[in-house]
PDB file of N, CA and C in Angstrom:
ATOM      1  N   UNK A   1      89.230  89.040  64.310  1.00  0.00           N
ATOM      2  CA  UNK A   1      87.937  88.564  65.073  1.00  0.00           C
ATOM      3  C   UNK A   1      86.949  89.550  65.847  1.00  0.00           C
ATOM      4  N   UNK A   2      85.464  89.191  65.475  1.00  0.00           N
ATOM      5  CA  UNK A   2      84.483  90.717  65.430  1.00  0.00           C
ATOM      6  C   UNK A   2      84.759  91.027  67.314  1.00  0.00           C
ATOM      7  N   UNK A   3      84.535  92.137  67.063  1.00  0.00           N
ATOM      8  CA  UNK A   3      84.411  92.744  68.482  1.00  0.00           C
ATOM      9  C   UNK A   3      83.089  92.912  68.552  1.00  0.00           C
ATOM     10  N   UNK A   4      82.492  92.450  69.981  1.00  0.00           N
ATOM     11  CA  UNK A   4      81.382  92.681  70.293  1.00  0.00           C
ATOM     12  C   UNK A   4      81.152  93.482  72.036  1.00  0.00           C
ATOM     13  N   UNK A   5      79.900  94.190  71.942  1.00  0.00           N
ATOM     14  CA  UNK A   5      79.604  94.733  73.289  1.00  0.00           C
ATOM     15  C   UNK A   5      78.838  93.261  74.066  1.00  0.00           C
ATOM     16  N   UNK A   6      79.456  93.161  75.448  1.00  0.00           N
ATOM     17  CA  UNK A   6      78.616  92.003  76.255  1.00  0.00           C
ATOM     18  C   UNK A   6      78.134  92.913  77.514  1.00  0.00           C
ATOM     19  N   UNK A   7      77.199  92.177  77.883  1.00  0.00           N
ATOM     20  CA  UNK A   7      77.056  92.401  78.872  1.00  0.00           C
ATOM     21  C   UNK A   7      76.731  91.274  80.251  1.00  0.00           C
ATOM     22  N   UNK A   8      77.685  91.881  81.151  1.00  0.00           N
ATOM     23  CA  UNK A   8      77.828  90.400  82.280  1.00  0.00           C
ATOM     24  C   UNK A   8      77.068  90.823  83.480  1.00  0.00           C
ATOM     25  N   UNK A   9      76.228  90.028  84.261  1.00  0.00           N
ATOM     26  CA  UNK A   9      75.804  90.176  85.451  1.00  0.00           C
ATOM     27  C   UNK A   9      76.506  89.209  86.272  1.00  0.00           C
ATOM     28  N   UNK A  10      76.538  89.403  87.389  1.00  0.00           N
ATOM     29  CA  UNK A  10      77.379  88.212  88.206  1.00  0.00           C
ATOM     30  C   UNK A  10      77.071  88.867  89.851  1.00  0.00           C
ATOM     31  N   UNK A  11      76.936  87.550  90.454  1.00  0.00           N
ATOM     32  CA  UNK A  11      76.606  87.834  92.027  1.00  0.00           C
ATOM     33  C   UNK A  11      77.641  87.532  92.500  1.00  0.00           C
ATOM     34  N   UNK A  12      77.868  88.163  93.547  1.00  0.00           N
ATOM     35  CA  UNK A  12      79.413  87.889  94.731  1.00  0.00           C
ATOM     36  C   UNK A  12      78.973  87.884  95.979  1.00  0.00           C
ATOM     37  N   UNK A  13      79.727  86.907  96.928  1.00  0.00           N
ATOM     38  CA  UNK A  13      79.660  87.400  98.068  1.00  0.00           C
ATOM     39  C   UNK A  13      80.349  89.108  98.098  1.00  0.00           C
ATOM     40  N   UNK A  14      79.703  89.586  99.497  1.00  0.00           N
ATOM     41  CA  UNK A  14      80.488  91.216  99.595  1.00  0.00           C
ATOM     42  C   UNK A  14      81.235  90.791 100.451  1.00  0.00           C
ATOM     43  N   UNK A  15      82.444  90.436  99.833  1.00  0.00           N
ATOM     44  CA  UNK A  15      83.856  90.276 100.990  1.00  0.00           C
ATOM     45  C   UNK A  15      85.067  91.111 100.563  1.00  0.00           C
ATOM     46  N   UNK A  16      86.083  91.292 101.088  1.00  0.00           N
ATOM     47  CA  UNK A  16      86.862  92.121 100.955  1.00  0.00           C
ATOM     48  C   UNK A  16      87.663  92.024  99.391  1.00  0.00           C
ATOM     49  N   UNK A  17      88.150  92.671  98.755  1.00  0.00           N
ATOM     50  CA  UNK A  17      89.258  92.341  97.682  1.00  0.00           C
ATOM     51  C   UNK A  17      88.537  91.686  96.347  1.00  0.00           C
ATOM     52  N   UNK A  18      87.248  91.378  96.536  1.00  0.00           N
ATOM     53  CA  UNK A  18      86.647  90.798  95.745  1.00  0.00           C
ATOM     54  C   UNK A  18      86.717  91.506  94.290  1.00  0.00           C
ATOM     55  N   UNK A  19      86.473  92.993  94.364  1.00  0.00           N
ATOM     56  CA  UNK A  19      86.473  93.645  92.925  1.00  0.00           C
ATOM     57  C   UNK A  19      87.881  93.728  92.642  1.00  0.00           C
ATOM     58  N   UNK A  20      89.255  93.791  93.068  1.00  0.00           N
ATOM     59  CA  UNK A  20      90.102  93.802  93.207  1.00  0.00           C
ATOM     60  C   UNK A  20      90.187  92.285  92.362  1.00  0.00           C
ATOM     61  N   UNK A  21      90.199  91.539  92.673  1.00  0.00           N
ATOM     62  CA  UNK A  21      90.346  90.134  91.767  1.00  0.00           C
ATOM     63  C   UNK A  21      89.644  90.198  90.643  1.00  0.00           C
ATOM     64  N   UNK A  22      88.255  90.481  90.829  1.00  0.00           N
ATOM     65  CA  UNK A  22      87.492  90.137  89.293  1.00  0.00           C
ATOM     66  C   UNK A  22      88.295  91.550  88.149  1.00  0.00           C
ATOM     67  N   UNK A  23      88.422  92.760  88.524  1.00  0.00           N
ATOM     68  CA  UNK A  23      89.327  93.742  87.664  1.00  0.00           C
ATOM     69  C   UNK A  23      90.555  93.096  87.123  1.00  0.00           C
ATOM     70  N   UNK A  24      91.469  92.433  88.049  1.00  0.00           N
ATOM     71  CA  UNK A  24      92.582  91.926  87.559  1.00  0.00           C
ATOM     72  C   UNK A  24      92.304  90.899  86.777  1.00  0.00           C
ATOM     73  N   UNK A  25      91.604  90.072  86.690  1.00  0.00           N
ATOM     74  CA  UNK A  25      91.120  89.092  85.893  1.00  0.00           C
ATOM     75  C   UNK A  25      90.758  89.530  84.183  1.00  0.00           C
ATOM     76  N   UNK A  26      90.129  90.691  83.997  1.00  0.00           N
ATOM     77  CA  UNK A  26      89.720  91.592  82.978  1.00  0.00           C
ATOM     78  C   UNK A  26      91.517  91.965  82.111  1.00  0.00           C
ATOM     79  N   UNK A  27      92.158  92.663  83.174  1.00  0.00           N
ATOM     80  CA  UNK A  27      93.358  93.455  83.106  1.00  0.00           C
ATOM     81  C   UNK A  27      94.064  92.374  82.488  1.00  0.00           C
ATOM     82  N   UNK A  28      94.407  91.317  82.887  1.00  0.00           N
ATOM     83  CA  UNK A  28      95.455  90.078  82.510  1.00  0.00           C
ATOM     84  C   UNK A  28      95.134  89.756  80.891  1.00  0.00           C
ATOM     85  N   UNK A  29      93.882  89.634  80.304  1.00  0.00           N
ATOM     86  CA  UNK A  29      93.503  89.266  79.285  1.00  0.00           C
ATOM     87  C   UNK A  29      93.019  90.836  78.372  1.00  0.00           C
ATOM     88  N   UNK A  30      93.309  91.842  78.923  1.00  0.00           N
ATOM     89  CA  UNK A  30      93.267  92.654  78.386  1.00  0.00           C
ATOM     90  C   UNK A  30      92.388  93.437  77.776  1.00  0.00           C
ATOM     91  N   UNK A  31      90.956  93.405  78.450  1.00  0.00           N
ATOM     92  CA  UNK A  31      89.623  93.888  78.109  1.00  0.00           C
ATOM     93  C   UNK A  31      88.998  94.765  78.956  1.00  0.00           C
ATOM     94  N   UNK A  32      88.854  95.857  78.379  1.00  0.00           N
ATOM     95  CA  UNK A  32      88.999  97.365  78.912  1.00  0.00           C
ATOM     96  C   UNK A  32      87.088  97.050  79.598  1.00  0.00           C
ATOM     97  N   UNK A  33      86.775  97.360  81.103  1.00  0.00           N
ATOM     98  CA  UNK A  33      85.661  97.566  81.504  1.00  0.00           C
ATOM     99  C   UNK A  33      84.871  98.982  81.186  1.00  0.00           C
ATOM    100  N   UNK A  34      84.479  98.854  80.127  1.00  0.00           N
ATOM    101  CA  UNK A  34      83.300 100.210  79.746  1.00  0.00           C
ATOM    102  C   UNK A  34      82.514 100.763  80.850  1.00  0.00           C
ATOM    103  N   UNK A  35      81.565 100.012  81.450  1.00  0.00           N
ATOM    104  CA  UNK A  35      80.878 100.323  82.785  1.00  0.00           C
ATOM    105  C   UNK A  35      80.356  99.324  83.436  1.00  0.00           C
ATOM    106  N   UNK A  36      80.557 100.000  85.026  1.00  0.00           N
ATOM    107  CA  UNK A  36      80.263  99.169  85.897  1.00  0.00           C
ATOM    108  C   UNK A  36      79.549  99.501  87.269  1.00  0.00           C
ATOM    109  N   UNK A  37      78.800  98.772  87.530  1.00  0.00           N
ATOM    110  CA  UNK A  37      77.573  98.925  88.492  1.00  0.00           C
ATOM    111  C   UNK A  37      77.436  98.140  89.514  1.00  0.00           C
ATOM    112  N   UNK A  38      77.755  98.141  91.079  1.00  0.00           N
ATOM    113  CA  UNK A  38      77.834  97.193  91.786  1.00  0.00           C
ATOM    114  C   UNK A  38      76.907  97.812  92.877  1.00  0.00           C
ATOM    115  N   UNK A  39      76.191  96.940  93.302  1.00  0.00           N
ATOM    116  CA  UNK A  39      75.052  97.441  94.458  1.00  0.00           C
ATOM    117  C   UNK A  39      74.932  95.880  95.146  1.00  0.00           C
ATOM    118  N   UNK A  40      74.583  96.270  96.457  1.00  0.00           N
ATOM    119  CA  UNK A  40      74.226  94.983  97.669  1.00  0.00           C
ATOM    120  C   UNK A  40      72.686  94.573  97.202  1.00  0.00           C
ATOM    121  N   UNK A  41      73.058  93.168  97.711  1.00  0.00           N
ATOM    122  CA  UNK A  41      71.529  92.734  96.953  1.00  0.00           C
ATOM    123  C   UNK A  41      70.336  92.918  98.405  1.00  0.00           C
ATOM    124  N   UNK A  42      68.946  92.320  97.948  1.00  0.00           N
ATOM    125  CA  UNK A  42      68.363  92.396  99.569  1.00  0.00           C
ATOM    126  C   UNK A  42      68.841  91.378 100.470  1.00  0.00           C
ATOM    127  N   UNK A  43      69.638  90.314  99.796  1.00  0.00           N
ATOM    128  CA  UNK A  43      70.758  89.042 100.482  1.00  0.00           C
ATOM    129  C   UNK A  43      71.902  90.308 101.301  1.00  0.00           C
ATOM    130  N   UNK A  44      71.947  90.494 102.773  1.00  0.00           N
ATOM    131  CA  UNK A  44      72.689  91.028 103.050  1.00  0.00           C
ATOM    132  C   UNK A  44      73.954  89.871 102.916  1.00  0.00           C
ATOM    133  N   UNK A  45      75.056  90.781 102.839  1.00  0.00           N
ATOM    134  CA  UNK A  45      76.564  90.143 102.147  1.00  0.00           C
ATOM    135  C   UNK A  45      76.490  89.405 101.137  1.00  0.00           C
ATOM    136  N   UNK A  46      75.749  89.900  99.985  1.00  0.00           N
ATOM    137  CA  UNK A  46      76.063  89.892  98.626  1.00  0.00           C
ATOM    138  C   UNK A  46      75.695  90.694  97.440  1.00  0.00           C
ATOM    139  N   UNK A  47      76.290  90.730  96.866  1.00  0.00           N
ATOM    140  CA  UNK A  47      76.818  92.067  96.039  1.00  0.00           C
ATOM    141  C   UNK A  47      75.613  91.810  94.484  1.00  0.00           C
ATOM    142  N   UNK A  48      75.339  92.529  93.628  1.00  0.00           N
ATOM    143  CA  UNK A  48      75.423  92.191  92.236  1.00  0.00           C
ATOM    144  C   UNK A  48      76.515  93.180  90.945  1.00  0.00           C
ATOM    145  N   UNK A  49      77.251  92.959  90.357  1.00  0.00           N
ATOM    146  CA  UNK A  49      78.104  93.685  89.217  1.00  0.00           C
ATOM    147  C   UNK A  49      77.140  93.128  88.357  1.00  0.00           C
ATOM    148  N   UNK A  50      77.310  94.583  87.134  1.00  0.00           N
ATOM    149  CA  UNK A  50      76.986  94.830  86.166  1.00  0.00           C
ATOM    150  C   UNK A  50      77.745  95.121  85.109  1.00  0.00           C
ATOM    151  N   UNK A  51      78.332  94.724  84.256  1.00  0.00           N
ATOM    152  CA  UNK A  51      79.207  94.791  83.525  1.00  0.00           C
ATOM    153  C   UNK A  51      79.244  95.287  82.076  1.00  0.00           C
ATOM    154  N   UNK A  52      79.573  95.883  81.441  1.00  0.00           N
ATOM    155  CA  UNK A  52      79.484  96.145  79.785  1.00  0.00           C
ATOM    156  C   UNK A  52      81.122  96.507  79.345  1.00  0.00           C
ATOM    157  N   UNK A  53      81.186  95.339  78.344  1.00  0.00           N
ATOM    158  CA  UNK A  53      82.631  95.253  77.829  1.00  0.00           C
ATOM    159  C   UNK A  53      82.615  94.995  76.266  1.00  0.00           C
ATOM    160  N   UNK A  54      83.915  95.634  75.740  1.00  0.00           N
ATOM    161  CA  UNK A  54      84.139  95.041  74.196  1.00  0.00           C
ATOM    162  C   UNK A  54      85.086  94.189  74.025  1.00  0.00           C
ATOM    163  N   UNK A  55      84.687  93.050  73.318  1.00  0.00           N
ATOM    164  CA  UNK A  55      85.497  91.810  73.484  1.00  0.00           C
ATOM    165  C   UNK A  55      85.325  91.063  72.405  1.00  0.00           C
ATOM    166  N   UNK A  56      85.840  89.914  72.132  1.00  0.00           N
ATOM    167  CA  UNK A  56      85.514  88.704  71.479  1.00  0.00           C
ATOM    168  C   UNK A  56      84.809  87.586  72.004  1.00  0.00           C
ATOM    169  N   UNK A  57      84.325  86.666  71.385  1.00  0.00           N
ATOM    170  CA  UNK A  57      83.909  85.520  71.900  1.00  0.00           C
ATOM    171  C   UNK A  57      84.909  84.596  72.733  1.00  0.00           C
ATOM    172  N   UNK A  58      86.001  84.334  72.247  1.00  0.00           N
ATOM    173  CA  UNK A  58      87.109  83.772  72.661  1.00  0.00           C
ATOM    174  C   UNK A  58      87.609  84.496  74.415  1.00  0.00           C
ATOM    175  N   UNK A  59      88.016  85.538  74.245  1.00  0.00           N
ATOM    176  CA  UNK A  59      88.340  86.028  75.405  1.00  0.00           C
ATOM    177  C   UNK A  59      87.059  86.216  76.296  1.00  0.00           C
ATOM    178  N   UNK A  60      86.232  86.304  75.905  1.00  0.00           N
ATOM    179  CA  UNK A  60      85.061  86.154  76.977  1.00  0.00           C
ATOM    180  C   UNK A  60      84.856  85.047  77.654  1.00  0.00           C
ATOM    181  N   UNK A  61      84.764  84.258  77.075  1.00  0.00           N
ATOM    182  CA  UNK A  61      84.872  82.536  77.265  1.00  0.00           C
ATOM    183  C   UNK A  61      86.015  82.360  78.577  1.00  0.00           C
ATOM    184  N   UNK A  62      87.144  82.677  78.259  1.00  0.00           N
ATOM    185  CA  UNK A  62      88.286  82.630  78.939  1.00  0.00           C
ATOM    186  C   UNK A  62      88.130  83.180  80.183  1.00  0.00           C
ATOM    187  N   UNK A  63      87.539  84.662  79.878  1.00  0.00           N
ATOM    188  CA  UNK A  63      87.345  85.279  81.251  1.00  0.00           C
ATOM    189  C   UNK A  63      86.160  84.654  82.164  1.00  0.00           C
ATOM    190  N   UNK A  64      85.466  83.986  81.718  1.00  0.00           N
ATOM    191  CA  UNK A  64      83.960  83.823  82.424  1.00  0.00           C
ATOM    192  C   UNK A  64      84.491  82.200  83.186  1.00  0.00           C
ATOM    193  N   UNK A  65      85.547  81.503  82.627  1.00  0.00           N
ATOM    194  CA  UNK A  65      85.752  80.421  83.319  1.00  0.00           C
ATOM    195  C   UNK A  65      86.694  80.813  84.092  1.00  0.00           C
ATOM    196  N   UNK A  66      87.744  81.574  84.176  1.00  0.00           N
ATOM    197  CA  UNK A  66      88.208  81.972  85.527  1.00  0.00           C
ATOM    198  C   UNK A  66      87.647  83.052  86.212  1.00  0.00           C
ATOM    199  N   UNK A  67      86.623  83.555  85.757  1.00  0.00           N
ATOM    200  CA  UNK A  67      85.448  84.567  87.173  1.00  0.00           C
ATOM    201  C   UNK A  67      84.946  83.612  87.994  1.00  0.00           C
ATOM    202  N   UNK A  68      84.932  81.954  87.398  1.00  0.00           N
ATOM    203  CA  UNK A  68      83.539  81.001  87.995  1.00  0.00           C
ATOM    204  C   UNK A  68      84.541  80.298  88.937  1.00  0.00           C
ATOM    205  N   UNK A  69      86.342  80.440  88.801  1.00  0.00           N
ATOM    206  CA  UNK A  69      87.227  80.020  90.012  1.00  0.00           C
ATOM    207  C   UNK A  69      87.084  80.626  91.130  1.00  0.00           C
ATOM    208  N   UNK A  70      87.048  82.117  90.839  1.00  0.00           N
ATOM    209  CA  UNK A  70      87.010  82.865  92.462  1.00  0.00           C
ATOM    210  C   UNK A  70      85.980  82.784  93.439  1.00  0.00           C
ATOM    211  N   UNK A  71      86.431  82.409  94.408  1.00  0.00           N
ATOM    212  CA  UNK A  71      85.507  81.696  95.616  1.00  0.00           C
ATOM    213  C   UNK A  71      84.512  82.309  95.492  1.00  0.00           C
ATOM    214  N   UNK A  72      84.561  83.940  95.902  1.00  0.00           N
ATOM    215  CA  UNK A  72      83.360  84.356  96.428  1.00  0.00           C
ATOM    216  C   UNK A  72      82.355  84.898  95.230  1.00  0.00           C
ATOM    217  N   UNK A  73      82.784  84.536  93.488  1.00  0.00           N
ATOM    218  CA  UNK A  73      81.265  84.576  92.744  1.00  0.00           C
ATOM    219  C   UNK A  73      80.340  83.371  93.037  1.00  0.00           C
ATOM    220  N   UNK A  74      79.616  83.778  92.921  1.00  0.00           N
ATOM    221  CA  UNK A  74      78.264  83.002  93.268  1.00  0.00           C
ATOM    222  C   UNK A  74      77.564  82.721  91.433  1.00  0.00           C
ATOM    223  N   UNK A  75      77.294  83.536  91.003  1.00  0.00           N
ATOM    224  CA  UNK A  75      76.715  83.447  89.738  1.00  0.00           C
ATOM    225  C   UNK A  75      77.281  84.262  88.602  1.00  0.00           C
ATOM    226  N   UNK A  76      77.551  83.946  87.588  1.00  0.00           N
ATOM    227  CA  UNK A  76      77.448  85.025  86.047  1.00  0.00           C
ATOM    228  C   UNK A  76      77.146  84.328  84.910  1.00  0.00           C
ATOM    229  N   UNK A  77      76.329  85.343  84.625  1.00  0.00           N
ATOM    230  CA  UNK A  77      75.519  85.210  83.257  1.00  0.00           C
ATOM    231  C   UNK A  77      75.897  86.640  82.106  1.00  0.00           C
ATOM    232  N   UNK A  78      75.980  86.015  81.123  1.00  0.00           N
ATOM    233  CA  UNK A  78      76.237  86.778  80.053  1.00  0.00           C
ATOM    234  C   UNK A  78      74.888  86.801  79.199  1.00  0.00           C
ATOM    235  N   UNK A  79      74.600  88.414  79.791  1.00  0.00           N
ATOM    236  CA  UNK A  79      73.090  88.371  79.568  1.00  0.00           C
ATOM    237  C   UNK A  79      72.615  88.780  77.829  1.00  0.00           C
ATOM    238  N   UNK A  80      73.801  89.736  77.182  1.00  0.00           N
ATOM    239  CA  UNK A  80      73.364  89.975  75.768  1.00  0.00           C
ATOM    240  C   UNK A  80      75.167  90.125  75.170  1.00  0.00           C
ATOM    241  N   UNK A  81      74.803  89.896  73.626  1.00  0.00           N
ATOM    242  CA  UNK A  81      75.935  90.521  73.046  1.00  0.00           C
ATOM    243  C   UNK A  81      75.848  91.062  71.828  1.00  0.00           C
ATOM    244  N   UNK A  82      76.151  92.158  71.607  1.00  0.00           N
ATOM    245  CA  UNK A  82      76.137  92.628  70.103  1.00  0.00           C
ATOM    246  C   UNK A  82      77.198  92.986  68.996  1.00  0.00           C
ATOM    247  N   UNK A  83      76.820  92.830  67.909  1.00  0.00           N
ATOM    248  CA  UNK A  83      78.260  93.444  67.269  1.00  0.00           C
ATOM    249  C   UNK A  83      78.228  94.651  67.190  1.00  0.00           C
ATOM    250  N   UNK A  84      79.889  95.213  67.100  1.00  0.00           N
ATOM    251  CA  UNK A  84      80.183  96.740  67.273  1.00  0.00           C
ATOM    252  C   UNK A  84      80.211  96.757  65.688  1.00  0.00           C
ATOM    253  N   UNK A  85      79.496  98.162  65.155  1.00  0.00           N
ATOM    254  CA  UNK A  85      79.204  98.335  63.486  1.00  0.00           C
ATOM    255  C   UNK A  85      80.741  99.265  63.821  1.00  0.00           C
ATOM    256  N   UNK A  86      81.063  99.233  62.041  1.00  0.00           N
ATOM    257  CA  UNK A  86      82.187  99.718  62.140  1.00  0.00           C
ATOM    258  C   UNK A  86      82.313 101.789  62.556  1.00  0.00           C
ATOM    259  N   UNK A  87      81.023 102.120  62.233  1.00  0.00           N
ATOM    260  CA  UNK A  87      80.574 103.343  62.011  1.00  0.00           C
ATOM    261  C   UNK A  87      80.907 103.302  64.124  1.00  0.00           C
ATOM    262  N   UNK A  88      80.214 102.602  64.758  1.00  0.00           N
ATOM    263  CA  UNK A  88      80.636 102.747  66.635  1.00  0.00           C
ATOM    264  C   UNK A  88      81.902 102.755  66.173  1.00  0.00           C
ATOM    265  N   UNK A  89      82.820 102.010  65.756  1.00  0.00           N
ATOM    266  CA  UNK A  89      84.317 101.990  66.420  1.00  0.00           C
ATOM    267  C   UNK A  89      84.799 103.163  65.947  1.00  0.00           C
ATOM    268  N   UNK A  90      84.415 103.663  64.657  1.00  0.00           N
ATOM    269  CA  UNK A  90      85.034 104.825  64.220  1.00  0.00           C
ATOM    270  C   UNK A  90      84.492 106.424  64.855  1.00  0.00           C
ATOM    271  N   UNK A  91      83.328 106.528  65.680  1.00  0.00           N
ATOM    272  CA  UNK A  91      83.062 106.948  66.888  1.00  0.00           C
ATOM    273  C   UNK A  91      83.758 107.142  67.821  1.00  0.00           C
ATOM    274  N   UNK A  92      84.050 105.858  68.160  1.00  0.00           N
ATOM    275  CA  UNK A  92      84.454 105.975  69.456  1.00  0.00           C
ATOM    276  C   UNK A  92      85.995 106.194  69.288  1.00  0.00           C
ATOM    277  N   UNK A  93      86.761 106.168  68.446  1.00  0.00           N
ATOM    278  CA  UNK A  93      88.165 106.609  67.781  1.00  0.00           C
ATOM    279  C   UNK A  93      87.880 107.877  67.797  1.00  0.00           C
ATOM    280  N   UNK A  94      87.214 108.590  67.471  1.00  0.00           N
ATOM    281  CA  UNK A  94      86.857 110.040  67.617  1.00  0.00           C
ATOM    282  C   UNK A  94      86.527 110.629  68.626  1.00  0.00           C
ATOM    283  N   UNK A  95      85.941 109.692  69.660  1.00  0.00           N
ATOM    284  CA  UNK A  95      86.078 110.409  70.894  1.00  0.00           C
ATOM    285  C   UNK A  95      87.193 110.605  71.595  1.00  0.00           C
ATOM    286  N   UNK A  96      87.956 109.723  71.389  1.00  0.00           N
ATOM    287  CA  UNK A  96      89.325 109.423  72.068  1.00  0.00           C
ATOM    288  C   UNK A  96      90.189 110.444  71.883  1.00  0.00           C
ATOM    289  N   UNK A  97      90.094 111.083  70.596  1.00  0.00           N
ATOM    290  CA  UNK A  97      90.908 111.976  70.015  1.00  0.00           C
ATOM    291  C   UNK A  97      90.632 113.034  70.567  1.00  0.00           C
ATOM    292  N   UNK A  98      89.518 113.541  70.512  1.00  0.00           N
ATOM    293  CA  UNK A  98      89.015 115.125  70.644  1.00  0.00           C
ATOM    294  C   UNK A  98      88.852 115.511  72.230  1.00  0.00           C
TER     295      UNK A  98
END
């Protein structure tokens, strides 16, 4: 299966342990969160998550369906996906070894 880079944006209620529930869903599907930014929006009590992930279409669709079931999640958008080239995968592996 072709690995891609996914950019996911989520809006959630700012409630206790939302981050833990969201990260556990990715963990169960063995998807590593490469980058995550979380900030409170202009609406008090509402947070925005920006996630960068490496995965495939099938896993991402399953994760999005499970994230939608979390009560505090208001909105989920997959902004973009880009294929990972062989060169990028090789560079990533060499960075881990160094």
